[in-house]
Amino acid sequence: MAGFLLMGIDKARAIDRAWRIPERAFFGLALLGGAFGVLLGSSLFHHKTLKASFMGMTTLSAVLWLGVLFAFQAAFGSPFA
């Protein structure tokens, strides 16, 4: 949720040519589990979608988190079973 909101805030600031949220803040948030929100916000707000390094790092974070989630499911079983 935080990644999604920050992406919307940064897009609004970009339009207003105001102070921007640093990319490293988005990368840190993505590594802490917010990659899916950042990717969704980027897609919905059409923000930073053409920046290959940003999209690559964020997508890599999302893939890593999917791996972690699948590993936990394999180790501990599904919470919905």
PDB file of N, CA and C in Angstrom:
ATOM      1  N   MET A   1       0.820  -1.183   0.000  1.00  0.00           N
ATOM      2  CA  MET A   1       0.000   0.000   0.000  1.00  0.00           C
ATOM      3  C   MET A   1       0.879   1.267   0.000  1.00  0.00           C
ATOM      4  N   ALA A   2       1.938   1.214   0.776  1.00  0.00           N
ATOM      5  CA  ALA A   2       2.816   2.384   0.869  1.00  0.00           C
ATOM      6  C   ALA A   2       3.490   2.671  -0.474  1.00  0.00           C
ATOM      7  N   GLY A   3       3.933   1.626  -1.155  1.00  0.00           N
ATOM      8  CA  GLY A   3       4.572   1.811  -2.453  1.00  0.00           C
ATOM      9  C   GLY A   3       3.626   2.426  -3.467  1.00  0.00           C
ATOM     10  N   PHE A   4       2.389   1.964  -3.457  1.00  0.00           N
ATOM     11  CA  PHE A   4       1.372   2.495  -4.357  1.00  0.00           C
ATOM     12  C   PHE A   4       1.127   3.979  -4.071  1.00  0.00           C
ATOM     13  N   LEU A   5       0.951   4.324  -2.803  1.00  0.00           N
ATOM     14  CA  LEU A   5       0.696   5.717  -2.426  1.00  0.00           C
ATOM     15  C   LEU A   5       1.883   6.625  -2.756  1.00  0.00           C
ATOM     16  N   LEU A   6       3.101   6.153  -2.450  1.00  0.00           N
ATOM     17  CA  LEU A   6       4.272   6.970  -2.753  1.00  0.00           C
ATOM     18  C   LEU A   6       4.442   7.196  -4.246  1.00  0.00           C
ATOM     19  N   MET A   7       4.095   6.201  -5.039  1.00  0.00           N
ATOM     20  CA  MET A   7       4.192   6.361  -6.491  1.00  0.00           C
ATOM     21  C   MET A   7       3.213   7.437  -6.959  1.00  0.00           C
ATOM     22  N   GLY A   8       2.006   7.454  -6.422  1.00  0.00           N
ATOM     23  CA  GLY A   8       1.029   8.490  -6.773  1.00  0.00           C
ATOM     24  C   GLY A   8       1.478   9.869  -6.337  1.00  0.00           C
ATOM     25  N   ILE A   9       2.051   9.951  -5.145  1.00  0.00           N
ATOM     26  CA  ILE A   9       2.549  11.237  -4.642  1.00  0.00           C
ATOM     27  C   ILE A   9       3.698  11.736  -5.512  1.00  0.00           C
ATOM     28  N   ASP A  10       4.620  10.833  -5.869  1.00  0.00           N
ATOM     29  CA  ASP A  10       5.757  11.239  -6.689  1.00  0.00           C
ATOM     30  C   ASP A  10       5.314  11.686  -8.074  1.00  0.00           C
ATOM     31  N   LYS A  11       4.313  11.025  -8.621  1.00  0.00           N
ATOM     32  CA  LYS A  11       3.799  11.434  -9.945  1.00  0.00           C
ATOM     33  C   LYS A  11       3.195  12.840  -9.866  1.00  0.00           C
ATOM     34  N   ALA A  12       2.422  13.098  -8.822  1.00  0.00           N
ATOM     35  CA  ALA A  12       1.827  14.429  -8.659  1.00  0.00           C
ATOM     36  C   ALA A  12       2.907  15.495  -8.506  1.00  0.00           C
ATOM     37  N   ARG A  13       3.959  15.160  -7.758  1.00  0.00           N
ATOM     38  CA  ARG A  13       5.058  16.115  -7.587  1.00  0.00           C
ATOM     39  C   ARG A  13       5.810  16.329  -8.890  1.00  0.00           C
ATOM     40  N   ALA A  14       5.927  15.276  -9.699  1.00  0.00           N
ATOM     41  CA  ALA A  14       6.608  15.420 -10.994  1.00  0.00           C
ATOM     42  C   ALA A  14       5.831  16.363 -11.901  1.00  0.00           C
ATOM     43  N   ILE A  15       4.520  16.239 -11.877  1.00  0.00           N
ATOM     44  CA  ILE A  15       3.680  17.124 -12.700  1.00  0.00           C
ATOM     45  C   ILE A  15       3.832  18.574 -12.252  1.00  0.00           C
ATOM     46  N   ASP A  16       3.892  18.787 -10.920  1.00  0.00           N
ATOM     47  CA  ASP A  16       4.010  20.134 -10.362  1.00  0.00           C
ATOM     48  C   ASP A  16       5.451  20.646 -10.351  1.00  0.00           C
ATOM     49  N   ARG A  17       6.386  19.810 -10.809  1.00  0.00           N
ATOM     50  CA  ARG A  17       7.816  20.147 -10.784  1.00  0.00           C
ATOM     51  C   ARG A  17       8.271  20.504  -9.373  1.00  0.00           C
ATOM     52  N   ALA A  18       7.788  19.750  -8.400  1.00  0.00           N
ATOM     53  CA  ALA A  18       8.145  19.953  -6.993  1.00  0.00           C
ATOM     54  C   ALA A  18       9.226  18.944  -6.599  1.00  0.00           C
ATOM     55  N   TRP A  19       9.633  19.005  -5.336  1.00  0.00           N
ATOM     56  CA  TRP A  19      10.624  18.075  -4.799  1.00  0.00           C
ATOM     57  C   TRP A  19      10.126  16.644  -4.972  1.00  0.00           C
ATOM     58  N   ARG A  20      11.010  15.743  -5.400  1.00  0.00           N
ATOM     59  CA  ARG A  20      10.635  14.369  -5.725  1.00  0.00           C
ATOM     60  C   ARG A  20      11.131  13.387  -4.685  1.00  0.00           C
ATOM     61  N   ILE A  21      10.501  12.251  -4.637  1.00  0.00           N
ATOM     62  CA  ILE A  21      10.922  11.152  -3.774  1.00  0.00           C
ATOM     63  C   ILE A  21      12.085  10.444  -4.474  1.00  0.00           C
ATOM     64  N   PRO A  22      13.198  10.247  -3.779  1.00  0.00           N
ATOM     65  CA  PRO A  22      14.354   9.603  -4.416  1.00  0.00           C
ATOM     66  C   PRO A  22      14.050   8.152  -4.822  1.00  0.00           C
ATOM     67  N   GLU A  23      14.660   7.720  -5.918  1.00  0.00           N
ATOM     68  CA  GLU A  23      14.446   6.350  -6.380  1.00  0.00           C
ATOM     69  C   GLU A  23      14.913   5.330  -5.359  1.00  0.00           C
ATOM     70  N   ARG A  24      15.954   5.649  -4.617  1.00  0.00           N
ATOM     71  CA  ARG A  24      16.445   4.690  -3.622  1.00  0.00           C
ATOM     72  C   ARG A  24      15.390   4.415  -2.548  1.00  0.00           C
ATOM     73  N   ALA A  25      14.502   5.367  -2.307  1.00  0.00           N
ATOM     74  CA  ALA A  25      13.407   5.127  -1.367  1.00  0.00           C
ATOM     75  C   ALA A  25      12.446   4.085  -1.935  1.00  0.00           C
ATOM     76  N   PHE A  26      12.177   4.154  -3.233  1.00  0.00           N
ATOM     77  CA  PHE A  26      11.322   3.155  -3.873  1.00  0.00           C
ATOM     78  C   PHE A  26      11.996   1.790  -3.874  1.00  0.00           C
ATOM     79  N   PHE A  27      13.314   1.754  -4.136  1.00  0.00           N
ATOM     80  CA  PHE A  27      14.038   0.485  -4.138  1.00  0.00           C
ATOM     81  C   PHE A  27      14.026  -0.141  -2.743  1.00  0.00           C
ATOM     82  N   GLY A  28      14.259   0.672  -1.732  1.00  0.00           N
ATOM     83  CA  GLY A  28      14.230   0.162  -0.355  1.00  0.00           C
ATOM     84  C   GLY A  28      12.864  -0.369   0.014  1.00  0.00           C
ATOM     85  N   LEU A  29      11.846   0.348  -0.354  1.00  0.00           N
ATOM     86  CA  LEU A  29      10.485  -0.086  -0.069  1.00  0.00           C
ATOM     87  C   LEU A  29      10.158  -1.380  -0.804  1.00  0.00           C
ATOM     88  N   ALA A  30      10.612  -1.491  -2.045  1.00  0.00           N
ATOM     89  CA  ALA A  30      10.387  -2.708  -2.827  1.00  0.00           C
ATOM     90  C   ALA A  30      11.077  -3.900  -2.174  1.00  0.00           C
ATOM     91  N   LEU A  31      12.294  -3.706  -1.692  1.00  0.00           N
ATOM     92  CA  LEU A  31      13.017  -4.795  -1.040  1.00  0.00           C
ATOM     93  C   LEU A  31      12.385  -5.188   0.293  1.00  0.00           C
ATOM     94  N   LEU A  32      11.689  -4.273   0.920  1.00  0.00           N
ATOM     95  CA  LEU A  32      11.017  -4.571   2.190  1.00  0.00           C
ATOM     96  C   LEU A  32       9.643  -5.212   1.991  1.00  0.00           C
ATOM     97  N   GLY A  33       9.249  -5.431   0.752  1.00  0.00           N
ATOM     98  CA  GLY A  33       7.986  -6.106   0.478  1.00  0.00           C
ATOM     99  C   GLY A  33       6.972  -5.264  -0.260  1.00  0.00           C
ATOM    100  N   GLY A  34       7.319  -4.053  -0.608  1.00  0.00           N
ATOM    101  CA  GLY A  34       6.374  -3.174  -1.284  1.00  0.00           C
ATOM    102  C   GLY A  34       6.497  -3.162  -2.796  1.00  0.00           C
ATOM    103  N   ALA A  35       7.194  -4.137  -3.361  1.00  0.00           N
ATOM    104  CA  ALA A  35       7.435  -4.150  -4.805  1.00  0.00           C
ATOM    105  C   ALA A  35       6.139  -4.219  -5.596  1.00  0.00           C
ATOM    106  N   PHE A  36       5.182  -4.975  -5.107  1.00  0.00           N
ATOM    107  CA  PHE A  36       3.928  -5.121  -5.849  1.00  0.00           C
ATOM    108  C   PHE A  36       3.142  -3.810  -5.872  1.00  0.00           C
ATOM    109  N   GLY A  37       3.154  -3.074  -4.790  1.00  0.00           N
ATOM    110  CA  GLY A  37       2.493  -1.772  -4.752  1.00  0.00           C
ATOM    111  C   GLY A  37       3.188  -0.754  -5.641  1.00  0.00           C
ATOM    112  N   VAL A  38       4.522  -0.786  -5.632  1.00  0.00           N
ATOM    113  CA  VAL A  38       5.286   0.132  -6.487  1.00  0.00           C
ATOM    114  C   VAL A  38       5.002  -0.169  -7.959  1.00  0.00           C
ATOM    115  N   LEU A  39       4.998  -1.455  -8.321  1.00  0.00           N
ATOM    116  CA  LEU A  39       4.722  -1.820  -9.716  1.00  0.00           C
ATOM    117  C   LEU A  39       3.294  -1.457 -10.117  1.00  0.00           C
ATOM    118  N   LEU A  40       2.343  -1.706  -9.240  1.00  0.00           N
ATOM    119  CA  LEU A  40       0.955  -1.358  -9.541  1.00  0.00           C
ATOM    120  C   LEU A  40       0.797   0.158  -9.684  1.00  0.00           C
ATOM    121  N   GLY A  41       1.394   0.915  -8.770  1.00  0.00           N
ATOM    122  CA  GLY A  41       1.326   2.375  -8.845  1.00  0.00           C
ATOM    123  C   GLY A  41       2.015   2.917 -10.085  1.00  0.00           C
ATOM    124  N   SER A  42       3.144   2.329 -10.426  1.00  0.00           N
ATOM    125  CA  SER A  42       3.858   2.752 -11.626  1.00  0.00           C
ATOM    126  C   SER A  42       2.999   2.542 -12.867  1.00  0.00           C
ATOM    127  N   SER A  43       2.343   1.410 -12.923  1.00  0.00           N
ATOM    128  CA  SER A  43       1.493   1.101 -14.069  1.00  0.00           C
ATOM    129  C   SER A  43       0.248   1.990 -14.105  1.00  0.00           C
ATOM    130  N   LEU A  44      -0.409   2.140 -12.976  1.00  0.00           N
ATOM    131  CA  LEU A  44      -1.650   2.909 -12.921  1.00  0.00           C
ATOM    132  C   LEU A  44      -1.416   4.397 -13.174  1.00  0.00           C
ATOM    133  N   PHE A  45      -0.348   4.943 -12.583  1.00  0.00           N
ATOM    134  CA  PHE A  45      -0.069   6.374 -12.717  1.00  0.00           C
ATOM    135  C   PHE A  45       0.829   6.685 -13.919  1.00  0.00           C
ATOM    136  N   HIS A  46       1.238   5.666 -14.671  1.00  0.00           N
ATOM    137  CA  HIS A  46       2.133   5.841 -15.818  1.00  0.00           C
ATOM    138  C   HIS A  46       3.361   6.641 -15.410  1.00  0.00           C
ATOM    139  N   HIS A  47       4.001   6.156 -14.340  1.00  0.00           N
ATOM    140  CA  HIS A  47       5.132   6.876 -13.756  1.00  0.00           C
ATOM    141  C   HIS A  47       6.351   5.967 -13.702  1.00  0.00           C
ATOM    142  N   LYS A  48       7.431   6.416 -14.288  1.00  0.00           N
ATOM    143  CA  LYS A  48       8.713   5.706 -14.329  1.00  0.00           C
ATOM    144  C   LYS A  48       8.660   4.417 -15.140  1.00  0.00           C
ATOM    145  N   THR A  49       7.658   4.251 -15.978  1.00  0.00           N
ATOM    146  CA  THR A  49       7.522   3.013 -16.739  1.00  0.00           C
ATOM    147  C   THR A  49       8.554   2.912 -17.866  1.00  0.00           C
ATOM    148  N   LEU A  50       9.089   4.018 -18.328  1.00  0.00           N
ATOM    149  CA  LEU A  50      10.078   3.998 -19.398  1.00  0.00           C
ATOM    150  C   LEU A  50      11.510   3.925 -18.871  1.00  0.00           C
ATOM    151  N   LYS A  51      11.669   4.000 -17.572  1.00  0.00           N
ATOM    152  CA  LYS A  51      12.996   3.949 -16.967  1.00  0.00           C
ATOM    153  C   LYS A  51      13.362   2.490 -16.709  1.00  0.00           C
ATOM    154  N   ALA A  52      14.167   1.928 -17.601  1.00  0.00           N
ATOM    155  CA  ALA A  52      14.464   0.489 -17.578  1.00  0.00           C
ATOM    156  C   ALA A  52      15.122   0.046 -16.275  1.00  0.00           C
ATOM    157  N   SER A  53      16.047   0.836 -15.751  1.00  0.00           N
ATOM    158  CA  SER A  53      16.731   0.431 -14.517  1.00  0.00           C
ATOM    159  C   SER A  53      15.752   0.372 -13.346  1.00  0.00           C
ATOM    160  N   PHE A  54      14.849   1.319 -13.281  1.00  0.00           N
ATOM    161  CA  PHE A  54      13.862   1.337 -12.201  1.00  0.00           C
ATOM    162  C   PHE A  54      12.913   0.145 -12.307  1.00  0.00           C
ATOM    163  N   MET A  55      12.383  -0.075 -13.501  1.00  0.00           N
ATOM    164  CA  MET A  55      11.439  -1.176 -13.694  1.00  0.00           C
ATOM    165  C   MET A  55      12.125  -2.529 -13.485  1.00  0.00           C
ATOM    166  N   GLY A  56      13.363  -2.641 -13.920  1.00  0.00           N
ATOM    167  CA  GLY A  56      14.100  -3.889 -13.743  1.00  0.00           C
ATOM    168  C   GLY A  56      14.345  -4.215 -12.288  1.00  0.00           C
ATOM    169  N   MET A  57      14.809  -3.243 -11.523  1.00  0.00           N
ATOM    170  CA  MET A  57      15.078  -3.476 -10.097  1.00  0.00           C
ATOM    171  C   MET A  57      13.789  -3.768  -9.329  1.00  0.00           C
ATOM    172  N   THR A  58      12.731  -3.057  -9.645  1.00  0.00           N
ATOM    173  CA  THR A  58      11.462  -3.267  -8.949  1.00  0.00           C
ATOM    174  C   THR A  58      10.870  -4.627  -9.312  1.00  0.00           C
ATOM    175  N   THR A  59      10.950  -4.996 -10.574  1.00  0.00           N
ATOM    176  CA  THR A  59      10.453  -6.305 -10.997  1.00  0.00           C
ATOM    177  C   THR A  59      11.282  -7.418 -10.362  1.00  0.00           C
ATOM    178  N   LEU A  60      12.594  -7.239 -10.295  1.00  0.00           N
ATOM    179  CA  LEU A  60      13.448  -8.224  -9.638  1.00  0.00           C
ATOM    180  C   LEU A  60      13.058  -8.386  -8.171  1.00  0.00           C
ATOM    181  N   SER A  61      12.769  -7.290  -7.498  1.00  0.00           N
ATOM    182  CA  SER A  61      12.321  -7.361  -6.098  1.00  0.00           C
ATOM    183  C   SER A  61      11.021  -8.131  -5.979  1.00  0.00           C
ATOM    184  N   ALA A  62      10.094  -7.899  -6.901  1.00  0.00           N
ATOM    185  CA  ALA A  62       8.813  -8.613  -6.872  1.00  0.00           C
ATOM    186  C   ALA A  62       9.029 -10.111  -7.084  1.00  0.00           C
ATOM    187  N   VAL A  63       9.908 -10.467  -8.018  1.00  0.00           N
ATOM    188  CA  VAL A  63      10.198 -11.881  -8.278  1.00  0.00           C
ATOM    189  C   VAL A  63      10.841 -12.528  -7.048  1.00  0.00           C
ATOM    190  N   LEU A  64      11.754 -11.812  -6.409  1.00  0.00           N
ATOM    191  CA  LEU A  64      12.379 -12.335  -5.195  1.00  0.00           C
ATOM    192  C   LEU A  64      11.338 -12.568  -4.099  1.00  0.00           C
ATOM    193  N   TRP A  65      10.413 -11.631  -3.942  1.00  0.00           N
ATOM    194  CA  TRP A  65       9.374 -11.791  -2.931  1.00  0.00           C
ATOM    195  C   TRP A  65       8.442 -12.950  -3.263  1.00  0.00           C
ATOM    196  N   LEU A  66       8.147 -13.163  -4.537  1.00  0.00           N
ATOM    197  CA  LEU A  66       7.346 -14.328  -4.917  1.00  0.00           C
ATOM    198  C   LEU A  66       8.079 -15.610  -4.551  1.00  0.00           C
ATOM    199  N   GLY A  67       9.394 -15.625  -4.766  1.00  0.00           N
ATOM    200  CA  GLY A  67      10.197 -16.785  -4.369  1.00  0.00           C
ATOM    201  C   GLY A  67      10.152 -17.027  -2.877  1.00  0.00           C
ATOM    202  N   VAL A  68      10.240 -15.957  -2.095  1.00  0.00           N
ATOM    203  CA  VAL A  68      10.162 -16.079  -0.634  1.00  0.00           C
ATOM    204  C   VAL A  68       8.793 -16.619  -0.222  1.00  0.00           C
ATOM    205  N   LEU A  69       7.745 -16.094  -0.816  1.00  0.00           N
ATOM    206  CA  LEU A  69       6.395 -16.548  -0.473  1.00  0.00           C
ATOM    207  C   LEU A  69       6.188 -18.018  -0.829  1.00  0.00           C
ATOM    208  N   PHE A  70       6.665 -18.428  -2.007  1.00  0.00           N
ATOM    209  CA  PHE A  70       6.548 -19.834  -2.398  1.00  0.00           C
ATOM    210  C   PHE A  70       7.387 -20.735  -1.497  1.00  0.00           C
ATOM    211  N   ALA A  71       8.577 -20.263  -1.085  1.00  0.00           N
ATOM    212  CA  ALA A  71       9.418 -21.046  -0.179  1.00  0.00           C
ATOM    213  C   ALA A  71       8.733 -21.230   1.172  1.00  0.00           C
ATOM    214  N   PHE A  72       8.111 -20.187   1.699  1.00  0.00           N
ATOM    215  CA  PHE A  72       7.384 -20.303   2.961  1.00  0.00           C
ATOM    216  C   PHE A  72       6.204 -21.253   2.829  1.00  0.00           C
ATOM    217  N   GLN A  73       5.518 -21.186   1.707  1.00  0.00           N
ATOM    218  CA  GLN A  73       4.389 -22.083   1.490  1.00  0.00           C
ATOM    219  C   GLN A  73       4.864 -23.531   1.411  1.00  0.00           C
ATOM    220  N   ALA A  74       5.955 -23.760   0.753  1.00  0.00           N
ATOM    221  CA  ALA A  74       6.495 -25.118   0.642  1.00  0.00           C
ATOM    222  C   ALA A  74       6.943 -25.631   2.003  1.00  0.00           C
ATOM    223  N   ALA A  75       7.528 -24.760   2.810  1.00  0.00           N
ATOM    224  CA  ALA A  75       8.044 -25.174   4.111  1.00  0.00           C
ATOM    225  C   ALA A  75       6.948 -25.340   5.146  1.00  0.00           C
ATOM    226  N   PHE A  76       5.972 -24.466   5.140  1.00  0.00           N
ATOM    227  CA  PHE A  76       4.973 -24.452   6.204  1.00  0.00           C
ATOM    228  C   PHE A  76       3.557 -24.797   5.758  1.00  0.00           C
ATOM    229  N   GLY A  77       3.360 -24.972   4.460  1.00  0.00           N
ATOM    230  CA  GLY A  77       2.035 -25.272   3.940  1.00  0.00           C
ATOM    231  C   GLY A  77       1.223 -24.015   3.692  1.00  0.00           C
ATOM    232  N   SER A  78       0.107 -24.204   3.024  1.00  0.00           N
ATOM    233  CA  SER A  78      -0.753 -23.083   2.704  1.00  0.00           C
ATOM    234  C   SER A  78      -1.560 -22.646   3.921  1.00  0.00           C
ATOM    235  N   PRO A  79      -1.678 -21.349   4.155  1.00  0.00           N
ATOM    236  CA  PRO A  79      -2.486 -20.886   5.293  1.00  0.00           C
ATOM    237  C   PRO A  79      -3.989 -21.045   5.019  1.00  0.00           C
ATOM    238  N   PHE A  80      -4.342 -21.372   3.784  1.00  0.00           N
ATOM    239  CA  PHE A  80      -5.757 -21.498   3.432  1.00  0.00           C
ATOM    240  C   PHE A  80      -6.217 -22.935   3.361  1.00  0.00           C
ATOM    241  N   ALA A  81      -5.333 -23.876   3.673  1.00  0.00           N
ATOM    242  CA  ALA A  81      -5.700 -25.304   3.580  1.00  0.00           C
ATOM    243  C   ALA A  81      -6.395 -25.791   4.833  1.00  0.00           C
TER     244      ALA A  81
END
